[in-house]
Protein backbone atom coordinates (compact mmCIF):
# COMPACT_ATOMS: atom_id res chain seq x y z
CA MET A 1 110.77 -125.66 -74.21
CA LYS A 2 106.52 -124.49 -74.93
CA VAL A 3 105.43 -125.82 -71.46
CA PHE A 4 101.15 -126.14 -71.65
CA VAL A 5 100.16 -125.16 -67.58
CA ALA A 6 97.05 -126.55 -66.85
CA GLY A 7 95.49 -124.77 -63.23
CA ALA A 8 97.86 -122.13 -64.14
CA SER A 9 95.15 -119.95 -61.74
CA GLY A 10 95.38 -122.25 -58.79
CA ALA A 11 98.06 -122.79 -55.35
CA LEU A 12 100.75 -125.07 -57.71
CA GLY A 13 99.97 -123.03 -61.06
CA MET A 14 100.77 -119.95 -58.75
CA GLN A 15 104.80 -121.14 -58.19
CA LEU A 16 104.71 -123.24 -60.98
CA VAL A 17 104.34 -120.34 -63.65
CA PRO A 18 106.92 -117.72 -62.36
CA GLN A 19 109.45 -120.38 -62.24
CA LEU A 20 109.22 -121.72 -65.55
CA VAL A 21 109.20 -118.38 -66.81
CA ALA A 22 112.95 -117.78 -64.93
CA ALA A 23 113.77 -120.91 -66.42
CA GLY A 24 113.64 -119.33 -70.00
CA HIS A 25 110.39 -120.99 -70.53
CA ASP A 26 107.65 -120.12 -72.76
CA VAL A 27 104.29 -120.99 -70.75
CA VAL A 28 100.91 -120.81 -71.59
CA GLY A 29 98.41 -121.20 -68.73
CA MET A 30 95.51 -122.38 -68.58
CA THR A 31 92.21 -121.38 -66.37
CA ARG A 32 88.12 -121.89 -65.94
CA THR A 33 87.84 -118.85 -65.10
CA ALA A 34 88.22 -115.47 -67.29
CA SER A 35 88.84 -112.82 -64.34
CA LYS A 36 92.59 -114.60 -63.72
CA GLN A 37 93.91 -114.00 -67.23
CA ASP A 38 95.43 -110.94 -65.83
CA GLY A 39 97.14 -112.71 -62.67
CA LEU A 40 98.83 -115.09 -64.90
CA ARG A 41 100.17 -112.08 -67.17
CA ALA A 42 101.40 -110.69 -64.07
CA LEU A 43 103.71 -114.04 -63.64
CA GLY A 44 104.99 -114.18 -67.20
CA ALA A 45 102.22 -116.42 -68.52
CA ARG A 46 99.63 -116.13 -71.87
CA PRO A 47 96.59 -117.11 -70.63
CA VAL A 48 93.89 -119.16 -72.02
CA VAL A 49 90.14 -119.82 -70.90
CA ALA A 50 89.11 -123.16 -70.97
CA ASP A 51 86.83 -125.37 -69.31
CA ALA A 52 89.11 -129.00 -68.43
CA LEU A 53 86.11 -130.84 -68.73
CA ASP A 54 84.83 -129.84 -72.39
CA PRO A 55 87.16 -131.84 -74.71
CA ASP A 56 86.76 -129.58 -77.54
CA ALA A 57 87.64 -126.52 -75.54
CA VAL A 58 90.62 -128.31 -74.65
CA ALA A 59 91.72 -129.31 -77.79
CA ARG A 60 91.59 -125.89 -79.35
CA VAL A 61 93.88 -124.13 -76.60
CA VAL A 62 96.09 -126.86 -76.72
CA GLY A 63 96.22 -126.94 -80.41
CA GLU A 64 96.87 -123.05 -80.48
CA ALA A 65 99.46 -123.41 -78.48
CA GLU A 66 101.20 -126.77 -79.29
CA PRO A 67 103.41 -127.82 -76.08
CA GLU A 68 106.45 -129.29 -76.16
CA VAL A 69 104.89 -130.44 -72.18
CA ILE A 70 101.83 -130.57 -70.80
CA VAL A 71 101.35 -129.79 -67.26
CA HIS A 72 98.04 -131.60 -65.37
CA GLN A 73 97.45 -129.66 -61.81
CA LEU A 74 93.70 -129.46 -61.99
CA THR A 75 92.04 -130.12 -58.65
CA ALA A 76 89.30 -128.13 -57.07
CA LEU A 77 90.12 -128.62 -53.49
CA SER A 78 89.25 -125.13 -51.93
CA GLY A 79 86.05 -123.81 -50.37
CA LYS A 80 85.37 -123.82 -46.44
CA MET A 81 86.24 -127.63 -44.87
CA ARG A 82 81.81 -128.54 -43.73
CA LEU A 83 81.56 -132.15 -41.10
CA ARG A 84 79.41 -133.26 -43.85
CA ASP A 85 82.09 -133.46 -46.24
CA ALA A 86 84.10 -135.15 -43.48
CA ARG A 87 81.78 -137.28 -43.09
CA HIS A 88 80.76 -138.12 -46.86
CA PRO A 89 83.53 -136.84 -48.77
CA ASP A 90 82.33 -139.38 -51.61
CA ARG A 91 79.44 -136.44 -51.84
CA SER A 92 81.41 -133.76 -51.81
CA THR A 93 81.62 -131.03 -54.04
CA MET A 94 85.45 -130.66 -54.01
CA VAL A 95 85.77 -134.78 -54.06
CA ASN A 96 83.20 -135.38 -57.04
CA MET A 97 84.97 -132.05 -59.13
CA THR A 98 88.18 -133.15 -58.35
CA ASN A 99 87.28 -136.78 -59.55
CA ARG A 100 86.33 -135.69 -62.95
CA LEU A 101 89.38 -133.38 -63.34
CA ARG A 102 91.30 -136.20 -62.23
CA THR A 103 89.91 -139.00 -65.04
CA GLU A 104 87.86 -137.31 -67.77
CA ALA A 105 89.95 -133.60 -67.77
CA THR A 106 92.93 -136.05 -67.78
CA ASP A 107 91.67 -137.76 -70.61
CA HIS A 108 91.21 -135.14 -72.59
CA LEU A 109 95.02 -133.42 -72.02
CA LEU A 110 96.34 -136.12 -73.02
CA ALA A 111 94.19 -136.08 -76.28
CA ALA A 112 95.14 -133.29 -76.90
CA GLY A 113 99.19 -133.42 -76.21
CA ARG A 114 98.83 -136.87 -78.57
CA ALA A 115 96.86 -134.55 -81.93
CA VAL A 116 100.35 -132.24 -81.30
CA GLY A 117 102.69 -134.10 -80.39
CA ALA A 118 103.65 -133.33 -77.22
CA ARG A 119 106.80 -135.32 -76.19
CA ARG A 120 106.19 -135.03 -72.26
CA PHE A 121 103.14 -134.82 -70.00
CA VAL A 122 103.02 -134.22 -66.35
CA ALA A 123 100.46 -134.51 -64.37
CA GLN A 124 99.88 -133.79 -59.76
CA SER A 125 98.70 -137.21 -58.04
CA PHE A 126 99.33 -137.72 -54.44
CA ALA A 127 101.48 -138.70 -51.27
CA ALA A 128 100.13 -136.83 -48.33
CA PHE A 129 98.48 -140.40 -46.97
CA ARG A 130 97.67 -143.47 -49.23
CA PHE A 131 100.37 -145.92 -48.97
CA ALA A 132 99.24 -150.03 -47.40
CA GLY A 133 100.46 -150.47 -43.87
CA THR A 134 103.29 -152.51 -45.15
CA GLY A 135 106.89 -152.82 -46.40
CA GLY A 136 109.14 -149.81 -44.82
CA ALA A 137 108.85 -147.69 -42.07
CA VAL A 138 108.94 -145.08 -45.38
CA GLN A 139 107.85 -146.10 -48.44
CA THR A 140 108.71 -145.87 -52.38
CA GLU A 141 107.24 -145.72 -55.51
CA ALA A 142 107.52 -148.97 -56.04
CA ASP A 143 106.26 -150.16 -53.10
CA PRO A 144 102.45 -151.33 -52.63
CA LEU A 145 99.08 -148.84 -51.87
CA ASP A 146 96.19 -149.35 -50.05
CA PRO A 147 94.59 -151.50 -52.01
CA ASN A 148 91.04 -151.58 -49.93
CA PRO A 149 90.47 -147.95 -48.14
CA PRO A 150 87.60 -147.15 -46.63
CA GLU A 151 84.61 -147.11 -48.44
CA ALA A 152 84.19 -143.12 -48.28
CA LEU A 153 87.41 -143.05 -49.64
CA ARG A 154 87.52 -145.44 -52.56
CA ALA A 155 86.28 -142.80 -55.39
CA GLY A 156 88.92 -140.65 -55.29
CA VAL A 157 91.05 -143.66 -54.73
CA ALA A 158 89.88 -144.68 -57.94
CA GLY A 159 90.38 -141.18 -59.38
CA ILE A 160 93.57 -141.46 -58.56
CA PHE A 161 94.54 -144.83 -59.42
CA HIS A 162 92.90 -144.04 -63.43
CA LEU A 163 94.90 -140.65 -63.85
CA GLU A 164 98.37 -142.85 -62.72
CA GLN A 165 98.21 -145.85 -65.17
CA ALA A 166 96.50 -143.12 -67.57
CA VAL A 167 99.49 -140.91 -67.83
CA THR A 168 102.47 -143.91 -67.05
CA THR A 169 101.27 -145.78 -70.24
CA ILE A 170 101.41 -143.33 -72.33
CA GLU A 171 103.19 -144.60 -75.92
CA TRP A 172 103.06 -140.98 -77.47
CA GLY A 173 105.41 -139.24 -75.11
CA GLU A 174 107.10 -139.76 -71.52
CA GLY A 175 104.41 -139.95 -68.92
CA ILE A 176 105.34 -138.28 -65.23
CA VAL A 177 103.05 -138.66 -62.28
CA LEU A 178 104.30 -136.78 -58.94
CA ARG A 179 102.76 -137.92 -55.96
CA TYR A 180 103.21 -134.23 -53.50
CA GLY A 181 102.43 -134.60 -50.14
CA GLY A 182 100.44 -132.06 -48.61
CA PHE A 183 100.67 -128.53 -49.30
CA TYR A 184 101.34 -125.67 -47.12
CA GLY A 185 102.41 -122.24 -47.51
CA PRO A 186 100.89 -119.67 -49.26
CA GLY A 187 97.52 -120.36 -51.21
CA THR A 188 96.82 -123.55 -49.71
CA GLY A 189 94.57 -124.51 -47.42
CA ILE A 190 97.54 -125.02 -44.93
CA SER A 191 98.68 -121.23 -45.05
CA ALA A 192 98.71 -117.67 -42.39
CA ALA A 193 95.34 -116.59 -44.24
CA PRO A 194 92.46 -116.67 -42.01
CA ASP A 195 90.17 -118.73 -44.30
CA ALA A 196 92.42 -120.99 -45.72
CA LEU A 197 90.72 -124.64 -45.83
CA MET A 198 92.92 -126.52 -42.66
CA ALA A 199 93.93 -123.30 -40.64
CA ALA A 200 90.68 -121.67 -40.71
CA PRO A 201 88.79 -124.92 -38.54
CA ILE A 202 92.40 -125.08 -36.53
CA ARG A 203 92.22 -121.61 -35.57
CA LYS A 204 89.10 -122.30 -33.88
CA ARG A 205 90.00 -125.46 -32.48
CA ARG A 206 87.30 -127.46 -34.62
CA PHE A 207 90.40 -129.75 -35.85
CA PRO A 208 90.78 -132.20 -32.58
CA LEU A 209 93.55 -135.04 -32.28
CA VAL A 210 91.79 -138.10 -32.45
CA GLY A 211 92.31 -140.76 -30.00
CA ASP A 212 96.28 -140.80 -30.11
CA GLY A 213 97.20 -138.88 -33.31
CA GLY A 214 99.20 -141.89 -35.06
CA GLY A 215 98.00 -141.23 -38.74
CA VAL A 216 101.15 -140.76 -40.77
CA TRP A 217 100.81 -137.59 -43.27
CA SER A 218 103.77 -136.10 -45.92
CA PHE A 219 103.98 -132.78 -46.37
CA VAL A 220 105.79 -130.55 -48.76
CA HIS A 221 105.67 -126.52 -48.94
CA ILE A 222 104.37 -125.48 -52.04
CA GLU A 223 107.29 -123.59 -53.52
CA ASP A 224 109.01 -127.13 -53.15
CA ALA A 225 106.64 -128.59 -54.94
CA ALA A 226 107.07 -125.79 -57.62
CA ALA A 227 110.81 -126.33 -58.01
CA ALA A 228 110.81 -130.22 -57.75
CA THR A 229 108.29 -129.47 -60.87
CA VAL A 230 110.66 -127.47 -62.70
CA ALA A 231 112.84 -130.31 -62.51
CA VAL A 232 110.49 -132.96 -63.61
CA ILE A 233 109.70 -131.08 -66.74
CA GLU A 234 113.31 -130.32 -67.54
CA HIS A 235 114.74 -133.91 -67.29
CA GLY A 236 112.65 -135.89 -65.10
CA LYS A 237 112.57 -139.71 -66.24
CA PRO A 238 108.72 -141.61 -67.35
CA GLY A 239 107.33 -143.00 -64.41
CA ILE A 240 106.26 -141.96 -61.10
CA TYR A 241 108.07 -139.35 -58.26
CA ASN A 242 107.00 -139.11 -54.89
CA VAL A 243 107.67 -134.83 -53.93
CA VAL A 244 107.79 -134.52 -50.30
CA ASP A 245 110.29 -133.26 -47.53
CA ASP A 246 112.11 -135.76 -45.58
CA GLU A 247 109.71 -136.10 -42.50
CA PRO A 248 106.63 -137.94 -43.04
CA ALA A 249 104.98 -136.87 -38.81
CA PRO A 250 102.49 -138.79 -36.84
CA VAL A 251 99.44 -136.25 -36.33
CA ARG A 252 100.08 -135.93 -33.01
CA GLU A 253 103.53 -134.52 -33.79
CA TRP A 254 102.69 -131.72 -36.92
CA LEU A 255 99.06 -131.19 -35.80
CA PRO A 256 99.71 -128.94 -32.70
CA ALA A 257 103.23 -127.41 -34.15
CA LEU A 258 100.82 -125.95 -37.22
CA ALA A 259 98.54 -124.83 -34.08
CA SER A 260 101.23 -123.11 -32.31
CA ALA A 261 102.42 -121.80 -35.86
CA LEU A 262 98.95 -120.22 -36.48
CA GLY A 263 99.05 -118.86 -33.39
CA ALA A 264 95.92 -120.88 -32.07
CA LYS A 265 94.97 -122.77 -28.84
CA PRO A 266 96.44 -126.53 -28.81
CA PRO A 267 93.82 -128.66 -30.53
CA ARG A 268 91.39 -130.47 -28.19
CA ARG A 269 91.63 -134.40 -27.72
CA VAL A 270 89.09 -136.29 -28.04
CA PRO A 271 88.42 -140.43 -28.40
CA ARG A 272 88.06 -141.93 -31.69
CA TRP A 273 84.83 -143.90 -31.04
CA LEU A 274 83.18 -139.95 -30.72
CA VAL A 275 85.11 -139.11 -34.28
CA ARG A 276 83.70 -141.80 -35.70
CA LEU A 277 79.74 -141.04 -34.95
CA ALA A 278 80.18 -137.40 -35.93
CA ALA A 279 82.45 -137.48 -38.57
CA GLY A 280 82.96 -140.81 -40.20
CA GLU A 281 85.32 -143.57 -40.26
CA ALA A 282 86.90 -142.12 -43.50
CA ALA A 283 88.29 -138.55 -41.67
CA THR A 284 88.94 -141.26 -38.57
CA VAL A 285 91.15 -143.31 -40.26
CA MET A 286 93.06 -140.56 -41.60
CA MET A 287 94.15 -138.96 -38.61
CA THR A 288 94.94 -142.03 -36.55
CA ASP A 289 95.93 -145.08 -38.84
CA VAL A 290 96.77 -144.14 -42.38
CA GLN A 291 100.34 -144.79 -43.11
CA GLY A 292 101.24 -142.06 -45.27
CA ALA A 293 105.02 -141.78 -44.81
CA ALA A 294 106.77 -141.62 -48.26
CA SER A 295 110.63 -141.42 -49.70
CA ASN A 296 111.85 -138.51 -51.25
CA ALA A 297 115.27 -140.18 -51.89
CA LYS A 298 114.24 -140.72 -55.64
CA ALA A 299 113.60 -137.29 -56.63
CA LYS A 300 116.47 -135.47 -54.50
CA ARG A 301 118.36 -138.55 -56.74
CA GLU A 302 117.33 -137.65 -60.03
CA LEU A 303 116.56 -134.88 -60.11
CA GLY A 304 119.26 -132.90 -57.98
CA TRP A 305 115.92 -131.71 -55.87
CA GLN A 306 116.97 -129.61 -52.96
CA LEU A 307 114.28 -128.40 -50.72
CA ARG A 308 114.22 -125.02 -49.19
CA TYR A 309 112.20 -126.23 -46.45
CA PRO A 310 113.26 -130.06 -45.95
CA SER A 311 110.46 -129.99 -42.97
CA TRP A 312 107.15 -129.15 -41.98
CA ARG A 313 108.70 -127.80 -38.88
CA LEU A 314 110.73 -125.48 -40.24
CA GLY A 315 107.94 -124.45 -42.95
CA PHE A 316 105.34 -124.40 -40.47
CA ALA A 317 107.29 -121.72 -38.56
CA ASN A 318 108.95 -119.43 -41.05
CA GLY A 319 106.44 -120.63 -44.37
CA LEU A 320 103.56 -120.05 -43.68
CA GLY A 321 103.39 -117.28 -45.95
């Protein structure tokens, strides 16, 4: 098939493009940065340059490509982690730009897909720590999401809801949303790179274990996430899939293990009240209260998806890159 990947030069795009090419697909990779075209060519894609927030530019490059499948992997979650971003994520440039990509850019890509008669639209969503504290211990795609997130996170959650609603209700094709766990591995914020978004403060012991560390997260290695995406592109059904590994875990388990894998000292323990004062309620909740235990049973059953790293324990030890 001809597959158009928006965000092809991002962390997941750089894993997804070569897997699609290896599977025999014709890949057009969109990037905003002209200097990244050679890298995409080296991966086997035909690069196109466009700003995803410019509807005319998006319509032009999608119209020229005439893809059967559009894959939306656009985010802006890179750069340095700063205390003010944790305290006020709603004011963060990264978060605000990602929200625009999940709302405005989603609408632009959907309009372009409809215009060219694309038959499938696949979009990136999020499952790492987003579920309400109801239902079973490990929740499925059908379980409720948090209806009342911390105020500082509401804009980001609204962006995710917009994307999921827009994609799963299209009438001109098959809309599929992938709720990925927290990415780790090469090119992500949790990797062996010295400047990786989360790894850098962990190495400096600036990413503490807050309170009881009871917040539960789901993870997925970036290569496994790309493999699931290929499977969805080829034979996924309309709707939502959780793309996570087999072992959701509380922060008190995964954070010390990650520090050890990065060659860092164990994280400091900091009381909840102090982090709330210094970093705000949103950061505190993510470390202590969120219930992000997501089930991957549907993806395994319907996609035949097999994980190279079924647990973050194996992946942190051997797959950080």
